[in-house]
Each structure stands twice: as structure tokens, then as C-alpha cells.
Amino acid sequence: MGPVASVDRNDLENCIGSSVKVCIHGEEGEDMAPWLDKKVKKLANCPDNTHLRIYFDNHYFFAVPFTSEVKQTETEWSAYDQKAGLYYVIKSEGKPL
């Protein structure tokens, strides 16, 4: 993975309209939620500008804290929220992020 950065909405602009796999999980070795096939509909800041909302339809979204540590490769974006101990991961299906 590339260098660590914080959440930047521009890093995910290419995902809008794309099919991706998404997962939220804890530390490695813990039980993990299944990967879900989703399509990114839009990106938006939450009302208090503390989180980036990644929408999968008009109602459901991930809310990733802007302070999360982000690592990104050509096909995977991962944000680690240290306070919650959670990873928010998006993998592209076919095209680079």
C-alpha cells in the first residue's frame, strides 16, 4: 500500500458509478463481515464536516471520519478509524480507483 494520508474525497471520485466490493472490519485476525458488492452513487460531507459519506443509494452510506488513516493502491482504498478500531475498505472491480 502507498503512504498513509487522511481521508480526501478526491481519492474516491473515480468510484462514483462504479461497481466495488466494500467491507468494514476490525483488527486483523478478528471476525470479519462479508464483502458486499455495491455501486458507489455519490460522495458527500456529513452536516458537521467530520465524516465523508460514501453513498451506495439515496439512503445507505458509510460514514468515514476525515481523521482516519488512509492507504491506497491502484485497486484498493482503506481507511482506518483509530478511535473505533475499524477499517473501511473499498476494492474496485476491474478499473483503478
N, C-alpha and C. Protein backbone atom coordinates (compact mmCIF):
# COMPACT_ATOMS: atom_id res chain seq x y z
N MET A 1 0.84 -1.18 0.00
CA MET A 1 0.00 0.00 0.00
C MET A 1 0.88 1.25 0.00
N GLY A 2 0.32 2.34 -0.47
CA GLY A 2 1.07 3.58 -0.56
C GLY A 2 1.20 4.27 0.79
N PRO A 3 1.72 5.48 0.79
CA PRO A 3 1.93 6.21 2.04
C PRO A 3 0.61 6.51 2.75
N VAL A 4 0.68 6.70 4.06
CA VAL A 4 -0.50 6.98 4.86
C VAL A 4 -0.91 8.44 4.70
N ALA A 5 -2.20 8.67 4.52
CA ALA A 5 -2.75 10.02 4.40
C ALA A 5 -4.07 10.05 5.14
N SER A 6 -4.73 11.21 5.16
CA SER A 6 -6.06 11.28 5.76
C SER A 6 -7.10 11.20 4.64
N VAL A 7 -8.35 11.08 5.02
CA VAL A 7 -9.44 10.92 4.06
C VAL A 7 -9.56 12.16 3.18
N ASP A 8 -9.55 11.94 1.87
CA ASP A 8 -9.69 13.01 0.88
C ASP A 8 -10.74 12.56 -0.14
N ARG A 9 -11.81 13.29 -0.19
CA ARG A 9 -12.93 12.97 -1.09
C ARG A 9 -12.46 12.75 -2.53
N ASN A 10 -11.47 13.51 -2.97
CA ASN A 10 -10.98 13.41 -4.35
C ASN A 10 -10.41 12.03 -4.67
N ASP A 11 -9.91 11.33 -3.64
CA ASP A 11 -9.34 9.99 -3.87
C ASP A 11 -10.38 8.99 -4.35
N LEU A 12 -11.65 9.27 -4.08
CA LEU A 12 -12.72 8.32 -4.42
C LEU A 12 -13.63 8.79 -5.54
N GLU A 13 -13.37 9.96 -6.10
CA GLU A 13 -14.23 10.49 -7.17
C GLU A 13 -14.38 9.51 -8.33
N ASN A 14 -13.31 8.78 -8.67
CA ASN A 14 -13.37 7.83 -9.78
C ASN A 14 -14.29 6.66 -9.50
N CYS A 15 -14.64 6.43 -8.25
CA CYS A 15 -15.52 5.30 -7.88
C CYS A 15 -16.98 5.57 -8.17
N ILE A 16 -17.37 6.83 -8.29
CA ILE A 16 -18.78 7.16 -8.48
C ILE A 16 -19.29 6.48 -9.75
N GLY A 17 -20.36 5.73 -9.60
CA GLY A 17 -20.95 4.99 -10.71
C GLY A 17 -20.30 3.64 -10.95
N SER A 18 -19.28 3.30 -10.19
CA SER A 18 -18.56 2.04 -10.39
C SER A 18 -19.03 0.95 -9.43
N SER A 19 -18.91 -0.29 -9.87
CA SER A 19 -19.16 -1.43 -9.01
C SER A 19 -17.91 -1.69 -8.19
N VAL A 20 -18.09 -1.88 -6.89
CA VAL A 20 -16.98 -2.10 -5.97
C VAL A 20 -17.37 -3.18 -4.98
N LYS A 21 -16.38 -3.66 -4.24
CA LYS A 21 -16.62 -4.53 -3.09
C LYS A 21 -16.30 -3.69 -1.86
N VAL A 22 -17.15 -3.77 -0.82
CA VAL A 22 -16.95 -2.98 0.39
C VAL A 22 -17.01 -3.87 1.62
N CYS A 23 -16.27 -3.46 2.65
CA CYS A 23 -16.25 -4.20 3.90
C CYS A 23 -15.82 -3.26 5.02
N ILE A 24 -16.42 -3.42 6.19
CA ILE A 24 -15.97 -2.75 7.40
C ILE A 24 -15.55 -3.86 8.35
N HIS A 25 -14.33 -3.76 8.88
CA HIS A 25 -13.87 -4.81 9.79
C HIS A 25 -12.95 -4.24 10.86
N GLY A 26 -12.75 -5.01 11.90
CA GLY A 26 -11.86 -4.63 12.99
C GLY A 26 -10.44 -5.04 12.69
N GLU A 27 -9.66 -5.22 13.76
CA GLU A 27 -8.26 -5.60 13.61
C GLU A 27 -8.13 -6.92 12.87
N GLU A 28 -6.99 -7.10 12.21
CA GLU A 28 -6.74 -8.37 11.53
C GLU A 28 -6.80 -9.50 12.53
N GLY A 29 -7.36 -10.63 12.10
CA GLY A 29 -7.49 -11.77 12.99
C GLY A 29 -8.84 -11.84 13.68
N GLU A 30 -9.57 -10.71 13.72
CA GLU A 30 -10.91 -10.72 14.31
C GLU A 30 -11.91 -11.24 13.27
N ASP A 31 -13.10 -11.59 13.75
CA ASP A 31 -14.16 -11.96 12.82
C ASP A 31 -14.41 -10.80 11.87
N MET A 32 -14.73 -11.13 10.63
CA MET A 32 -14.85 -10.09 9.61
C MET A 32 -16.21 -10.19 8.94
N ALA A 33 -16.83 -9.05 8.69
CA ALA A 33 -18.09 -9.01 7.95
C ALA A 33 -17.82 -9.45 6.52
N PRO A 34 -18.83 -9.96 5.82
CA PRO A 34 -18.62 -10.38 4.44
C PRO A 34 -18.41 -9.17 3.52
N TRP A 35 -17.70 -9.40 2.43
CA TRP A 35 -17.56 -8.37 1.40
C TRP A 35 -18.90 -8.25 0.69
N LEU A 36 -19.32 -7.04 0.42
CA LEU A 36 -20.58 -6.78 -0.27
C LEU A 36 -20.31 -6.13 -1.61
N ASP A 37 -21.07 -6.53 -2.62
CA ASP A 37 -20.99 -5.91 -3.93
C ASP A 37 -21.91 -4.69 -3.93
N LYS A 38 -21.34 -3.53 -4.20
CA LYS A 38 -22.10 -2.28 -4.19
C LYS A 38 -21.70 -1.42 -5.38
N LYS A 39 -22.48 -0.40 -5.63
CA LYS A 39 -22.14 0.62 -6.62
C LYS A 39 -22.12 1.95 -5.89
N VAL A 40 -21.04 2.70 -6.03
CA VAL A 40 -20.93 4.00 -5.36
C VAL A 40 -21.80 5.00 -6.12
N LYS A 41 -22.76 5.58 -5.40
CA LYS A 41 -23.68 6.55 -6.02
C LYS A 41 -23.16 7.98 -5.93
N LYS A 42 -22.68 8.37 -4.72
CA LYS A 42 -22.19 9.73 -4.56
C LYS A 42 -21.34 9.83 -3.30
N LEU A 43 -20.62 10.93 -3.18
CA LEU A 43 -19.81 11.26 -2.01
C LEU A 43 -20.31 12.58 -1.46
N ALA A 44 -20.37 12.70 -0.13
CA ALA A 44 -20.81 13.95 0.49
C ALA A 44 -20.23 14.06 1.89
N ASN A 45 -19.98 15.29 2.32
CA ASN A 45 -19.58 15.51 3.70
C ASN A 45 -20.82 15.39 4.58
N CYS A 46 -20.63 14.91 5.82
CA CYS A 46 -21.75 14.89 6.76
C CYS A 46 -22.01 16.34 7.20
N PRO A 47 -23.15 16.62 7.80
CA PRO A 47 -23.50 18.00 8.15
C PRO A 47 -22.47 18.73 9.02
N ASP A 48 -21.78 18.02 9.92
CA ASP A 48 -20.79 18.71 10.76
C ASP A 48 -19.36 18.63 10.21
N ASN A 49 -19.23 18.13 8.98
CA ASN A 49 -17.94 18.05 8.28
C ASN A 49 -16.87 17.25 9.02
N THR A 50 -17.28 16.22 9.77
CA THR A 50 -16.31 15.36 10.45
C THR A 50 -16.11 14.03 9.73
N HIS A 51 -17.07 13.67 8.86
CA HIS A 51 -17.03 12.38 8.17
C HIS A 51 -17.32 12.57 6.67
N LEU A 52 -16.76 11.66 5.86
CA LEU A 52 -17.12 11.57 4.45
C LEU A 52 -18.16 10.47 4.32
N ARG A 53 -19.28 10.80 3.73
CA ARG A 53 -20.31 9.81 3.48
C ARG A 53 -20.10 9.25 2.08
N ILE A 54 -20.03 7.92 2.00
CA ILE A 54 -19.90 7.23 0.73
C ILE A 54 -21.24 6.51 0.51
N TYR A 55 -22.05 7.07 -0.38
CA TYR A 55 -23.41 6.57 -0.59
C TYR A 55 -23.44 5.44 -1.62
N PHE A 56 -24.28 4.43 -1.32
CA PHE A 56 -24.48 3.31 -2.22
C PHE A 56 -25.87 3.35 -2.86
N ASP A 57 -26.73 4.19 -2.34
CA ASP A 57 -28.02 4.52 -2.92
C ASP A 57 -28.44 5.85 -2.28
N ASN A 58 -29.70 6.22 -2.36
CA ASN A 58 -30.10 7.52 -1.79
C ASN A 58 -30.19 7.51 -0.27
N HIS A 59 -30.07 6.34 0.36
CA HIS A 59 -30.27 6.24 1.79
C HIS A 59 -29.06 5.68 2.54
N TYR A 60 -28.43 4.62 2.01
CA TYR A 60 -27.37 3.91 2.74
C TYR A 60 -25.99 4.41 2.36
N PHE A 61 -25.15 4.55 3.39
CA PHE A 61 -23.79 5.05 3.18
C PHE A 61 -22.87 4.56 4.29
N PHE A 62 -21.55 4.60 4.02
CA PHE A 62 -20.50 4.51 5.04
C PHE A 62 -20.23 5.93 5.46
N ALA A 63 -19.97 6.17 6.73
CA ALA A 63 -19.52 7.48 7.20
C ALA A 63 -18.11 7.28 7.76
N VAL A 64 -17.12 7.73 7.01
CA VAL A 64 -15.72 7.52 7.36
C VAL A 64 -15.15 8.82 7.94
N PRO A 65 -14.62 8.79 9.17
CA PRO A 65 -14.06 10.02 9.76
C PRO A 65 -12.93 10.58 8.90
N PHE A 66 -12.93 11.89 8.70
CA PHE A 66 -11.87 12.53 7.92
C PHE A 66 -10.50 12.33 8.55
N THR A 67 -10.45 12.05 9.85
CA THR A 67 -9.17 11.86 10.54
C THR A 67 -8.61 10.44 10.38
N SER A 68 -9.34 9.56 9.71
CA SER A 68 -8.87 8.18 9.51
C SER A 68 -7.59 8.16 8.68
N GLU A 69 -6.76 7.15 8.95
CA GLU A 69 -5.52 6.96 8.19
C GLU A 69 -5.84 6.16 6.94
N VAL A 70 -5.52 6.73 5.78
CA VAL A 70 -5.85 6.11 4.50
C VAL A 70 -4.60 5.53 3.85
N LYS A 71 -4.78 4.32 3.33
CA LYS A 71 -3.77 3.70 2.48
C LYS A 71 -4.48 3.33 1.19
N GLN A 72 -3.81 3.59 0.06
CA GLN A 72 -4.46 3.36 -1.22
C GLN A 72 -3.49 2.74 -2.21
N THR A 73 -4.01 1.76 -2.95
CA THR A 73 -3.28 1.19 -4.07
C THR A 73 -4.11 1.50 -5.32
N GLU A 74 -3.71 0.94 -6.43
CA GLU A 74 -4.45 1.18 -7.66
C GLU A 74 -5.87 0.63 -7.59
N THR A 75 -6.08 -0.45 -6.82
CA THR A 75 -7.39 -1.10 -6.81
C THR A 75 -8.05 -1.18 -5.44
N GLU A 76 -7.40 -0.63 -4.39
CA GLU A 76 -7.98 -0.72 -3.05
C GLU A 76 -7.75 0.56 -2.26
N TRP A 77 -8.82 1.00 -1.57
CA TRP A 77 -8.77 2.17 -0.68
C TRP A 77 -9.16 1.67 0.70
N SER A 78 -8.35 1.98 1.70
CA SER A 78 -8.60 1.52 3.05
C SER A 78 -8.41 2.69 4.01
N ALA A 79 -9.40 2.93 4.87
CA ALA A 79 -9.32 3.99 5.88
C ALA A 79 -9.44 3.34 7.25
N TYR A 80 -8.50 3.65 8.14
CA TYR A 80 -8.52 3.10 9.49
C TYR A 80 -8.91 4.18 10.49
N ASP A 81 -10.02 3.96 11.18
CA ASP A 81 -10.50 4.86 12.22
C ASP A 81 -9.94 4.36 13.55
N GLN A 82 -8.91 5.05 14.04
CA GLN A 82 -8.21 4.61 15.25
C GLN A 82 -9.12 4.63 16.47
N LYS A 83 -10.00 5.63 16.58
CA LYS A 83 -10.90 5.72 17.74
C LYS A 83 -11.82 4.50 17.83
N ALA A 84 -12.40 4.11 16.71
CA ALA A 84 -13.34 2.99 16.69
C ALA A 84 -12.63 1.65 16.47
N GLY A 85 -11.39 1.68 16.01
CA GLY A 85 -10.67 0.45 15.71
C GLY A 85 -11.24 -0.29 14.51
N LEU A 86 -11.75 0.47 13.54
CA LEU A 86 -12.38 -0.11 12.37
C LEU A 86 -11.67 0.28 11.08
N TYR A 87 -11.66 -0.65 10.13
CA TYR A 87 -11.18 -0.41 8.78
C TYR A 87 -12.37 -0.34 7.85
N TYR A 88 -12.39 0.66 6.97
CA TYR A 88 -13.39 0.81 5.92
C TYR A 88 -12.63 0.55 4.62
N VAL A 89 -13.02 -0.49 3.88
CA VAL A 89 -12.25 -0.89 2.72
C VAL A 89 -13.15 -0.93 1.49
N ILE A 90 -12.63 -0.38 0.39
CA ILE A 90 -13.30 -0.42 -0.90
C ILE A 90 -12.31 -0.98 -1.91
N LYS A 91 -12.73 -2.02 -2.64
CA LYS A 91 -11.92 -2.62 -3.70
C LYS A 91 -12.64 -2.40 -5.02
N SER A 92 -11.90 -1.97 -6.01
CA SER A 92 -12.50 -1.77 -7.32
C SER A 92 -12.64 -3.10 -8.02
N GLU A 93 -13.57 -3.16 -8.92
CA GLU A 93 -13.78 -4.36 -9.72
C GLU A 93 -13.42 -4.05 -11.16
N GLY A 94 -12.18 -4.23 -11.50
CA GLY A 94 -11.77 -4.09 -12.89
C GLY A 94 -10.99 -2.84 -13.23
N LYS A 95 -11.44 -1.68 -12.74
CA LYS A 95 -10.72 -0.45 -13.12
C LYS A 95 -10.06 0.16 -11.90
N PRO A 96 -8.99 0.92 -12.11
CA PRO A 96 -8.31 1.57 -10.97
C PRO A 96 -9.22 2.55 -10.25
N LEU A 97 -8.97 2.71 -8.96
CA LEU A 97 -9.72 3.68 -8.16
C LEU A 97 -9.31 5.08 -8.53
